[in-house]
């Protein structure tokens, strides 16, 4: 069995949100290969996250972003509890989504979730939301958004 350092366990924990025992077990199962352990933990986390999708999400935040006074974005992101809505991780997700909407110009939530994530092109926005779901342990839903650009004519 490969020697597993406490630093690797902490790193895996911080990236996946799992407990120490689960992180250590994943590294042991992967023979000490951090990347393999991370991938397996993400798969397990995403599976649990998909099961959470049935739970009602009524708490959350409305995030806003204005770029150079010319583009404005509002987004509603819901979770199950106020406790999670107040975490830095959730607030960062909402902030990232406002930036995504500002730069990506999606036409609807489904379009937004399929877009390449602006901070990491190897993921879609939907992947990022599912990862947050797994890390925070709650159902997270991008409910709606509005994007206004100076001089743009909308069909509404």
N, C-alpha and C. Protein backbone atom coordinates (compact mmCIF):
# COMPACT_ATOMS: atom_id res chain seq x y z
N UNK A 1 0.84 -1.18 0.00
CA UNK A 1 0.00 0.00 0.00
C UNK A 1 0.89 1.24 0.00
N UNK A 2 0.55 2.20 -0.85
CA UNK A 2 1.33 3.43 -0.97
C UNK A 2 1.14 4.29 0.28
N UNK A 3 2.21 4.98 0.65
CA UNK A 3 2.13 5.88 1.80
C UNK A 3 1.30 7.10 1.40
N UNK A 4 0.33 7.42 2.22
CA UNK A 4 -0.57 8.53 1.94
C UNK A 4 -0.30 9.64 2.95
N UNK A 5 0.03 10.82 2.46
CA UNK A 5 0.35 11.92 3.36
C UNK A 5 -0.92 12.64 3.81
N UNK A 6 -0.83 13.24 4.97
CA UNK A 6 -1.96 13.99 5.51
C UNK A 6 -2.28 15.19 4.61
N UNK A 7 -1.24 15.74 3.97
CA UNK A 7 -1.46 16.88 3.06
C UNK A 7 -2.32 16.48 1.87
N UNK A 8 -2.10 15.27 1.35
CA UNK A 8 -2.93 14.80 0.23
C UNK A 8 -4.36 14.57 0.67
N UNK A 9 -4.53 14.06 1.87
CA UNK A 9 -5.87 13.83 2.41
C UNK A 9 -6.59 15.18 2.57
N UNK A 10 -5.90 16.17 3.13
CA UNK A 10 -6.50 17.50 3.31
C UNK A 10 -6.84 18.12 1.96
N UNK A 11 -5.94 17.96 1.00
CA UNK A 11 -6.17 18.53 -0.34
C UNK A 11 -7.40 17.89 -1.00
N UNK A 12 -7.50 16.56 -0.90
CA UNK A 12 -8.65 15.86 -1.48
C UNK A 12 -9.94 16.28 -0.78
N UNK A 13 -9.86 16.43 0.52
CA UNK A 13 -11.02 16.88 1.30
C UNK A 13 -11.49 18.25 0.87
N UNK A 14 -10.54 19.16 0.67
CA UNK A 14 -10.91 20.53 0.33
C UNK A 14 -11.52 20.62 -1.08
N UNK A 15 -11.09 19.75 -1.97
CA UNK A 15 -11.60 19.77 -3.33
C UNK A 15 -12.94 19.06 -3.49
N UNK A 16 -13.24 18.12 -2.60
CA UNK A 16 -14.46 17.33 -2.75
C UNK A 16 -15.49 17.53 -1.65
N UNK A 17 -15.06 18.04 -0.50
CA UNK A 17 -15.99 18.24 0.60
C UNK A 17 -16.31 16.99 1.38
N UNK A 18 -15.55 15.91 1.19
CA UNK A 18 -15.80 14.66 1.92
C UNK A 18 -15.06 14.67 3.25
N UNK A 19 -15.37 13.69 4.08
CA UNK A 19 -14.72 13.57 5.37
C UNK A 19 -13.31 13.00 5.25
N UNK A 20 -12.55 13.10 6.34
CA UNK A 20 -11.16 12.61 6.35
C UNK A 20 -11.09 11.13 6.04
N UNK A 21 -11.96 10.35 6.65
CA UNK A 21 -11.94 8.90 6.44
C UNK A 21 -12.21 8.56 4.98
N UNK A 22 -13.20 9.21 4.38
CA UNK A 22 -13.52 8.95 2.97
C UNK A 22 -12.37 9.36 2.05
N UNK A 23 -11.75 10.49 2.35
CA UNK A 23 -10.62 10.95 1.54
C UNK A 23 -9.45 9.97 1.63
N UNK A 24 -9.16 9.52 2.84
CA UNK A 24 -8.06 8.57 3.03
C UNK A 24 -8.36 7.26 2.32
N UNK A 25 -9.60 6.79 2.42
CA UNK A 25 -9.99 5.54 1.78
C UNK A 25 -9.90 5.64 0.26
N UNK A 26 -10.31 6.77 -0.29
CA UNK A 26 -10.24 6.98 -1.74
C UNK A 26 -8.80 6.95 -2.23
N UNK A 27 -7.91 7.57 -1.47
CA UNK A 27 -6.49 7.56 -1.84
C UNK A 27 -5.91 6.15 -1.72
N UNK A 28 -6.32 5.43 -0.70
CA UNK A 28 -5.85 4.05 -0.54
C UNK A 28 -6.36 3.18 -1.69
N UNK A 29 -7.63 3.32 -2.05
CA UNK A 29 -8.21 2.55 -3.14
C UNK A 29 -7.53 2.86 -4.47
N UNK A 30 -7.05 4.10 -4.60
CA UNK A 30 -6.39 4.52 -5.85
C UNK A 30 -4.89 4.25 -5.80
N UNK A 31 -4.42 3.55 -4.78
CA UNK A 31 -3.00 3.23 -4.68
C UNK A 31 -2.12 4.46 -4.50
N UNK A 32 -2.67 5.49 -3.88
CA UNK A 32 -1.92 6.72 -3.65
C UNK A 32 -1.94 7.70 -4.82
N UNK A 33 -2.61 7.34 -5.92
CA UNK A 33 -2.69 8.20 -7.10
C UNK A 33 -3.75 9.28 -6.83
N UNK A 34 -3.29 10.51 -6.58
CA UNK A 34 -4.20 11.60 -6.20
C UNK A 34 -5.24 11.87 -7.27
N UNK A 35 -4.80 11.97 -8.53
CA UNK A 35 -5.73 12.29 -9.61
C UNK A 35 -6.82 11.24 -9.76
N UNK A 36 -6.43 9.98 -9.64
CA UNK A 36 -7.41 8.89 -9.75
C UNK A 36 -8.40 8.95 -8.58
N UNK A 37 -7.90 9.21 -7.39
CA UNK A 37 -8.76 9.32 -6.21
C UNK A 37 -9.74 10.49 -6.36
N UNK A 38 -9.23 11.61 -6.85
CA UNK A 38 -10.08 12.79 -7.05
C UNK A 38 -11.19 12.49 -8.05
N UNK A 39 -10.85 11.84 -9.14
CA UNK A 39 -11.84 11.50 -10.16
C UNK A 39 -12.92 10.58 -9.59
N UNK A 40 -12.53 9.58 -8.82
CA UNK A 40 -13.50 8.66 -8.22
C UNK A 40 -14.40 9.37 -7.21
N UNK A 41 -13.81 10.27 -6.42
CA UNK A 41 -14.61 11.01 -5.44
C UNK A 41 -15.60 11.93 -6.15
N UNK A 42 -15.18 12.53 -7.24
CA UNK A 42 -16.09 13.40 -7.99
C UNK A 42 -17.24 12.60 -8.57
N UNK A 43 -16.94 11.41 -9.09
CA UNK A 43 -18.00 10.56 -9.63
C UNK A 43 -19.02 10.22 -8.55
N UNK A 44 -18.53 9.83 -7.38
CA UNK A 44 -19.42 9.50 -6.27
C UNK A 44 -20.21 10.72 -5.83
N UNK A 45 -19.55 11.85 -5.74
CA UNK A 45 -20.20 13.09 -5.33
C UNK A 45 -21.26 13.53 -6.31
N UNK A 46 -20.97 13.40 -7.60
CA UNK A 46 -21.94 13.80 -8.61
C UNK A 46 -23.14 12.87 -8.62
N UNK A 47 -22.92 11.60 -8.34
CA UNK A 47 -24.04 10.66 -8.25
C UNK A 47 -24.95 11.06 -7.09
N UNK A 48 -24.36 11.38 -5.95
CA UNK A 48 -25.16 11.83 -4.80
C UNK A 48 -25.85 13.15 -5.13
N UNK A 49 -25.15 14.01 -5.85
CA UNK A 49 -25.71 15.32 -6.20
C UNK A 49 -26.94 15.16 -7.09
N UNK A 50 -26.89 14.21 -8.01
CA UNK A 50 -28.03 13.98 -8.89
C UNK A 50 -29.24 13.50 -8.09
N UNK A 51 -29.01 12.70 -7.05
CA UNK A 51 -30.11 12.24 -6.20
C UNK A 51 -30.71 13.40 -5.42
N UNK A 52 -29.87 14.39 -5.05
CA UNK A 52 -30.35 15.55 -4.32
C UNK A 52 -31.23 16.43 -5.18
N UNK A 53 -31.13 16.30 -6.49
CA UNK A 53 -31.86 17.15 -7.42
C UNK A 53 -33.36 17.11 -7.23
N UNK A 54 -33.84 16.10 -6.55
CA UNK A 54 -35.28 15.98 -6.31
C UNK A 54 -35.73 16.80 -5.10
N UNK A 55 -34.79 17.23 -4.27
CA UNK A 55 -35.14 17.98 -3.08
C UNK A 55 -35.41 19.44 -3.43
N UNK A 56 -36.32 20.05 -2.69
CA UNK A 56 -36.75 21.41 -2.98
C UNK A 56 -35.71 22.44 -2.53
N UNK A 57 -35.42 23.38 -3.41
CA UNK A 57 -34.47 24.44 -3.13
C UNK A 57 -35.21 25.78 -3.13
N UNK A 58 -35.43 26.33 -1.94
CA UNK A 58 -36.18 27.58 -1.82
C UNK A 58 -35.35 28.71 -1.21
N UNK A 59 -34.21 28.40 -0.61
CA UNK A 59 -33.33 29.44 -0.06
C UNK A 59 -32.36 29.83 -1.17
N UNK A 60 -31.42 30.69 -0.88
CA UNK A 60 -30.43 31.04 -1.88
C UNK A 60 -30.07 32.50 -1.89
N UNK A 61 -29.57 32.95 -3.04
CA UNK A 61 -29.14 34.33 -3.20
C UNK A 61 -29.50 34.86 -4.58
N UNK A 62 -29.64 36.17 -4.64
CA UNK A 62 -29.70 36.85 -5.93
C UNK A 62 -28.38 37.60 -6.05
N UNK A 63 -27.62 37.26 -7.07
CA UNK A 63 -26.34 37.90 -7.30
C UNK A 63 -26.44 38.94 -8.39
N UNK A 64 -25.59 39.95 -8.32
CA UNK A 64 -25.59 40.99 -9.34
C UNK A 64 -24.17 41.33 -9.75
N UNK A 65 -24.05 41.83 -10.97
CA UNK A 65 -22.75 42.25 -11.48
C UNK A 65 -22.99 43.29 -12.56
N UNK A 66 -22.24 44.39 -12.49
CA UNK A 66 -22.30 45.42 -13.52
C UNK A 66 -20.89 45.60 -14.06
N UNK A 67 -20.76 45.46 -15.36
CA UNK A 67 -19.45 45.57 -16.01
C UNK A 67 -19.33 46.91 -16.72
N UNK A 68 -18.46 47.75 -16.18
CA UNK A 68 -18.11 49.01 -16.82
C UNK A 68 -19.33 49.90 -17.09
N UNK A 69 -20.39 49.72 -16.31
CA UNK A 69 -21.59 50.53 -16.51
C UNK A 69 -22.34 50.26 -17.80
N UNK A 70 -21.94 49.18 -18.51
CA UNK A 70 -22.56 48.91 -19.81
C UNK A 70 -23.32 47.59 -19.86
N UNK A 71 -22.97 46.65 -18.99
CA UNK A 71 -23.65 45.35 -18.96
C UNK A 71 -24.01 45.06 -17.50
N UNK A 72 -25.26 44.69 -17.28
CA UNK A 72 -25.71 44.36 -15.94
C UNK A 72 -26.34 42.98 -15.91
N UNK A 73 -26.07 42.23 -14.83
CA UNK A 73 -26.59 40.87 -14.69
C UNK A 73 -27.19 40.69 -13.30
N UNK A 74 -28.35 40.02 -13.26
CA UNK A 74 -28.95 39.53 -12.02
C UNK A 74 -29.17 38.03 -12.20
N UNK A 75 -28.84 37.25 -11.20
CA UNK A 75 -29.07 35.80 -11.26
C UNK A 75 -29.62 35.32 -9.92
N UNK A 76 -30.61 34.44 -9.98
CA UNK A 76 -31.16 33.80 -8.79
C UNK A 76 -30.66 32.37 -8.75
N UNK A 77 -29.95 32.05 -7.67
CA UNK A 77 -29.44 30.70 -7.46
C UNK A 77 -30.01 30.21 -6.14
N UNK A 78 -30.67 29.07 -6.19
CA UNK A 78 -31.33 28.53 -5.00
C UNK A 78 -30.59 27.32 -4.43
N UNK A 79 -30.73 27.17 -3.11
CA UNK A 79 -30.24 26.00 -2.39
C UNK A 79 -31.33 25.64 -1.37
N UNK A 80 -31.07 24.66 -0.56
CA UNK A 80 -32.11 24.18 0.36
C UNK A 80 -32.19 24.96 1.67
N UNK A 81 -31.07 25.51 2.14
CA UNK A 81 -31.06 26.17 3.45
C UNK A 81 -30.34 27.50 3.41
N UNK A 82 -30.73 28.39 4.33
CA UNK A 82 -30.03 29.67 4.48
C UNK A 82 -28.59 29.45 4.93
N UNK A 83 -28.36 28.40 5.70
CA UNK A 83 -27.02 28.09 6.18
C UNK A 83 -26.05 27.96 5.01
N UNK A 84 -26.42 27.20 3.99
CA UNK A 84 -25.57 27.03 2.82
C UNK A 84 -25.49 28.32 2.01
N UNK A 85 -26.60 29.03 1.91
CA UNK A 85 -26.61 30.28 1.15
C UNK A 85 -25.64 31.31 1.71
N UNK A 86 -25.32 31.21 2.98
CA UNK A 86 -24.42 32.17 3.63
C UNK A 86 -22.95 31.75 3.56
N UNK A 87 -22.66 30.57 3.01
CA UNK A 87 -21.27 30.11 2.95
C UNK A 87 -20.51 30.84 1.84
N UNK A 88 -19.21 30.97 2.04
CA UNK A 88 -18.36 31.60 1.02
C UNK A 88 -18.38 30.82 -0.28
N UNK A 89 -18.45 29.48 -0.20
CA UNK A 89 -18.46 28.65 -1.39
C UNK A 89 -19.69 28.94 -2.26
N UNK A 90 -20.84 29.07 -1.62
CA UNK A 90 -22.07 29.36 -2.36
C UNK A 90 -22.02 30.77 -2.95
N UNK A 91 -21.56 31.73 -2.15
CA UNK A 91 -21.44 33.11 -2.64
C UNK A 91 -20.49 33.18 -3.83
N UNK A 92 -19.39 32.42 -3.77
CA UNK A 92 -18.43 32.41 -4.89
C UNK A 92 -19.07 31.81 -6.14
N UNK A 93 -19.88 30.77 -5.96
CA UNK A 93 -20.58 30.17 -7.10
C UNK A 93 -21.50 31.20 -7.76
N UNK A 94 -22.26 31.91 -6.95
CA UNK A 94 -23.18 32.92 -7.49
C UNK A 94 -22.40 34.01 -8.23
N UNK A 95 -21.30 34.43 -7.65
CA UNK A 95 -20.45 35.45 -8.30
C UNK A 95 -19.93 34.95 -9.64
N UNK A 96 -19.43 33.70 -9.64
CA UNK A 96 -18.93 33.11 -10.90
C UNK A 96 -20.03 33.03 -11.96
N UNK A 97 -21.25 32.73 -11.53
CA UNK A 97 -22.35 32.65 -12.48
C UNK A 97 -22.71 34.01 -13.07
N UNK A 98 -22.61 35.07 -12.26
CA UNK A 98 -22.88 36.40 -12.82
C UNK A 98 -21.83 36.76 -13.87
N UNK A 99 -20.58 36.43 -13.60
CA UNK A 99 -19.52 36.68 -14.58
C UNK A 99 -19.74 35.87 -15.85
N UNK A 100 -20.17 34.62 -15.67
CA UNK A 100 -20.45 33.74 -16.80
C UNK A 100 -21.54 34.32 -17.69
N UNK A 101 -22.61 34.77 -17.07
CA UNK A 101 -23.73 35.33 -17.82
C UNK A 101 -23.31 36.61 -18.54
N UNK A 102 -22.52 37.41 -17.87
CA UNK A 102 -22.05 38.66 -18.47
C UNK A 102 -21.21 38.39 -19.71
N UNK A 103 -20.29 37.45 -19.62
CA UNK A 103 -19.37 37.20 -20.74
C UNK A 103 -19.93 36.23 -21.77
N UNK A 104 -20.78 35.30 -21.33
CA UNK A 104 -21.24 34.25 -22.23
C UNK A 104 -22.49 34.55 -23.02
N UNK A 105 -23.23 35.55 -22.61
CA UNK A 105 -24.47 35.95 -23.28
C UNK A 105 -25.45 34.80 -23.53
N UNK A 106 -25.74 33.96 -22.52
CA UNK A 106 -26.70 32.87 -22.73
C UNK A 106 -28.11 33.41 -22.92
N UNK A 107 -28.94 32.64 -23.60
CA UNK A 107 -30.32 33.06 -23.84
C UNK A 107 -31.28 32.52 -22.79
N UNK A 108 -30.89 31.48 -22.07
CA UNK A 108 -31.73 30.89 -21.04
C UNK A 108 -30.89 30.04 -20.12
N UNK A 109 -31.49 29.58 -19.04
CA UNK A 109 -30.75 28.78 -18.06
C UNK A 109 -30.20 27.50 -18.68
N UNK A 110 -31.02 26.80 -19.47
CA UNK A 110 -30.53 25.56 -20.10
C UNK A 110 -29.32 25.84 -20.98
N UNK A 111 -29.37 26.95 -21.74
CA UNK A 111 -28.25 27.37 -22.58
C UNK A 111 -27.03 27.67 -21.71
N UNK A 112 -27.27 28.38 -20.57
CA UNK A 112 -26.17 28.72 -19.63
C UNK A 112 -25.49 27.47 -19.12
N UNK A 113 -26.28 26.44 -18.70
CA UNK A 113 -25.70 25.24 -18.10
C UNK A 113 -24.87 24.43 -19.08
N UNK A 114 -25.12 24.58 -20.38
CA UNK A 114 -24.37 23.83 -21.40
C UNK A 114 -23.11 24.55 -21.86
N UNK A 115 -22.97 25.82 -21.52
CA UNK A 115 -21.82 26.60 -21.95
C UNK A 115 -20.53 26.14 -21.27
N UNK A 116 -19.40 26.38 -21.97
CA UNK A 116 -18.10 26.19 -21.36
C UNK A 116 -17.99 27.16 -20.21
N UNK A 117 -17.45 26.70 -19.08
CA UNK A 117 -17.28 27.56 -17.93
C UNK A 117 -16.15 28.54 -18.21
N UNK A 118 -16.39 29.80 -18.00
CA UNK A 118 -15.44 30.86 -18.37
C UNK A 118 -14.11 30.74 -17.61
N UNK A 119 -14.11 30.20 -16.40
CA UNK A 119 -12.89 30.07 -15.61
C UNK A 119 -12.14 28.76 -15.87
N UNK A 120 -12.80 27.77 -16.49
CA UNK A 120 -12.17 26.47 -16.76
C UNK A 120 -12.89 25.83 -17.94
N UNK A 121 -12.30 25.95 -19.12
CA UNK A 121 -12.96 25.49 -20.35
C UNK A 121 -13.11 23.98 -20.44
N UNK A 122 -12.52 23.24 -19.50
CA UNK A 122 -12.68 21.78 -19.52
C UNK A 122 -14.01 21.35 -18.88
N UNK A 123 -14.73 22.32 -18.29
CA UNK A 123 -16.00 22.04 -17.62
C UNK A 123 -17.11 22.88 -18.25
N UNK A 124 -18.33 22.39 -18.11
CA UNK A 124 -19.49 23.21 -18.46
C UNK A 124 -19.97 23.90 -17.19
N UNK A 125 -20.84 24.87 -17.34
CA UNK A 125 -21.43 25.54 -16.18
C UNK A 125 -22.22 24.52 -15.36
N UNK A 126 -22.91 23.62 -16.03
CA UNK A 126 -23.65 22.56 -15.34
C UNK A 126 -22.75 21.70 -14.47
N UNK A 127 -21.54 21.39 -14.97
CA UNK A 127 -20.57 20.61 -14.18
C UNK A 127 -20.19 21.37 -12.91
N UNK A 128 -19.97 22.65 -13.03
CA UNK A 128 -19.58 23.48 -11.89
C UNK A 128 -20.70 23.51 -10.85
N UNK A 129 -21.94 23.62 -11.30
CA UNK A 129 -23.08 23.63 -10.37
C UNK A 129 -23.19 22.27 -9.68
N UNK A 130 -23.01 21.18 -10.43
CA UNK A 130 -23.07 19.84 -9.82
C UNK A 130 -21.95 19.63 -8.81
N UNK A 131 -20.76 20.15 -9.11
CA UNK A 131 -19.65 20.03 -8.16
C UNK A 131 -19.95 20.80 -6.88
N UNK A 132 -20.55 21.98 -7.01
CA UNK A 132 -20.93 22.76 -5.83
C UNK A 132 -22.01 22.01 -5.04
N UNK A 133 -22.92 21.40 -5.76
CA UNK A 133 -23.97 20.59 -5.15
C UNK A 133 -23.34 19.48 -4.30
N UNK A 134 -22.36 18.79 -4.88
CA UNK A 134 -21.69 17.70 -4.18
C UNK A 134 -20.89 18.22 -2.98
N UNK A 135 -20.20 19.33 -3.17
CA UNK A 135 -19.35 19.87 -2.10
C UNK A 135 -20.18 20.41 -0.94
N UNK A 136 -21.28 21.08 -1.24
CA UNK A 136 -22.09 21.71 -0.19
C UNK A 136 -23.16 20.78 0.38
N UNK A 137 -23.43 19.68 -0.32
CA UNK A 137 -24.37 18.69 0.20
C UNK A 137 -25.83 19.07 0.08
N UNK A 138 -26.14 19.99 -0.83
CA UNK A 138 -27.52 20.39 -1.02
C UNK A 138 -27.83 20.51 -2.51
N UNK A 139 -29.11 20.44 -2.81
CA UNK A 139 -29.56 20.68 -4.18
C UNK A 139 -29.37 22.16 -4.49
N UNK A 140 -28.69 22.45 -5.58
CA UNK A 140 -28.45 23.83 -6.01
C UNK A 140 -29.04 23.99 -7.41
N UNK A 141 -29.83 25.06 -7.58
CA UNK A 141 -30.53 25.28 -8.84
C UNK A 141 -30.30 26.72 -9.31
N UNK A 142 -29.90 26.85 -10.57
CA UNK A 142 -29.87 28.18 -11.18
C UNK A 142 -31.29 28.42 -11.67
N UNK A 143 -32.03 29.27 -10.98
CA UNK A 143 -33.45 29.44 -11.24
C UNK A 143 -33.72 30.32 -12.46
N UNK A 144 -33.10 31.50 -12.49
CA UNK A 144 -33.34 32.43 -13.59
C UNK A 144 -32.27 33.52 -13.57
N UNK A 145 -32.20 34.25 -14.66
CA UNK A 145 -31.28 35.38 -14.72
C UNK A 145 -31.80 36.41 -15.71
N UNK A 146 -31.23 37.60 -15.60
CA UNK A 146 -31.53 38.68 -16.53
C UNK A 146 -30.22 39.38 -16.87
N UNK A 147 -30.04 39.64 -18.15
CA UNK A 147 -28.81 40.30 -18.62
C UNK A 147 -29.22 41.50 -19.47
N UNK A 148 -28.73 42.67 -19.10
CA UNK A 148 -29.00 43.89 -19.84
C UNK A 148 -27.70 44.45 -20.37
N UNK A 149 -27.68 44.81 -21.64
CA UNK A 149 -26.51 45.45 -22.24
C UNK A 149 -26.94 46.77 -22.84
N UNK A 150 -26.18 47.80 -22.57
CA UNK A 150 -26.49 49.13 -23.05
C UNK A 150 -26.64 49.14 -24.57
N UNK A 151 -27.77 49.67 -25.03
CA UNK A 151 -28.01 49.77 -26.48
C UNK A 151 -28.58 48.54 -27.14
N UNK A 152 -28.68 47.42 -26.41
CA UNK A 152 -29.25 46.20 -26.98
C UNK A 152 -30.77 46.26 -26.96
N UNK A 153 -31.38 45.81 -28.03
CA UNK A 153 -32.83 45.75 -28.08
C UNK A 153 -33.23 44.31 -27.79
N UNK A 154 -34.15 44.14 -26.82
CA UNK A 154 -34.61 42.80 -26.47
C UNK A 154 -35.98 42.56 -27.06
N UNK A 155 -36.33 41.29 -27.15
CA UNK A 155 -37.63 40.93 -27.74
C UNK A 155 -38.77 40.97 -26.73
N UNK A 156 -38.49 41.30 -25.49
CA UNK A 156 -39.52 41.34 -24.44
C UNK A 156 -40.36 42.57 -24.53
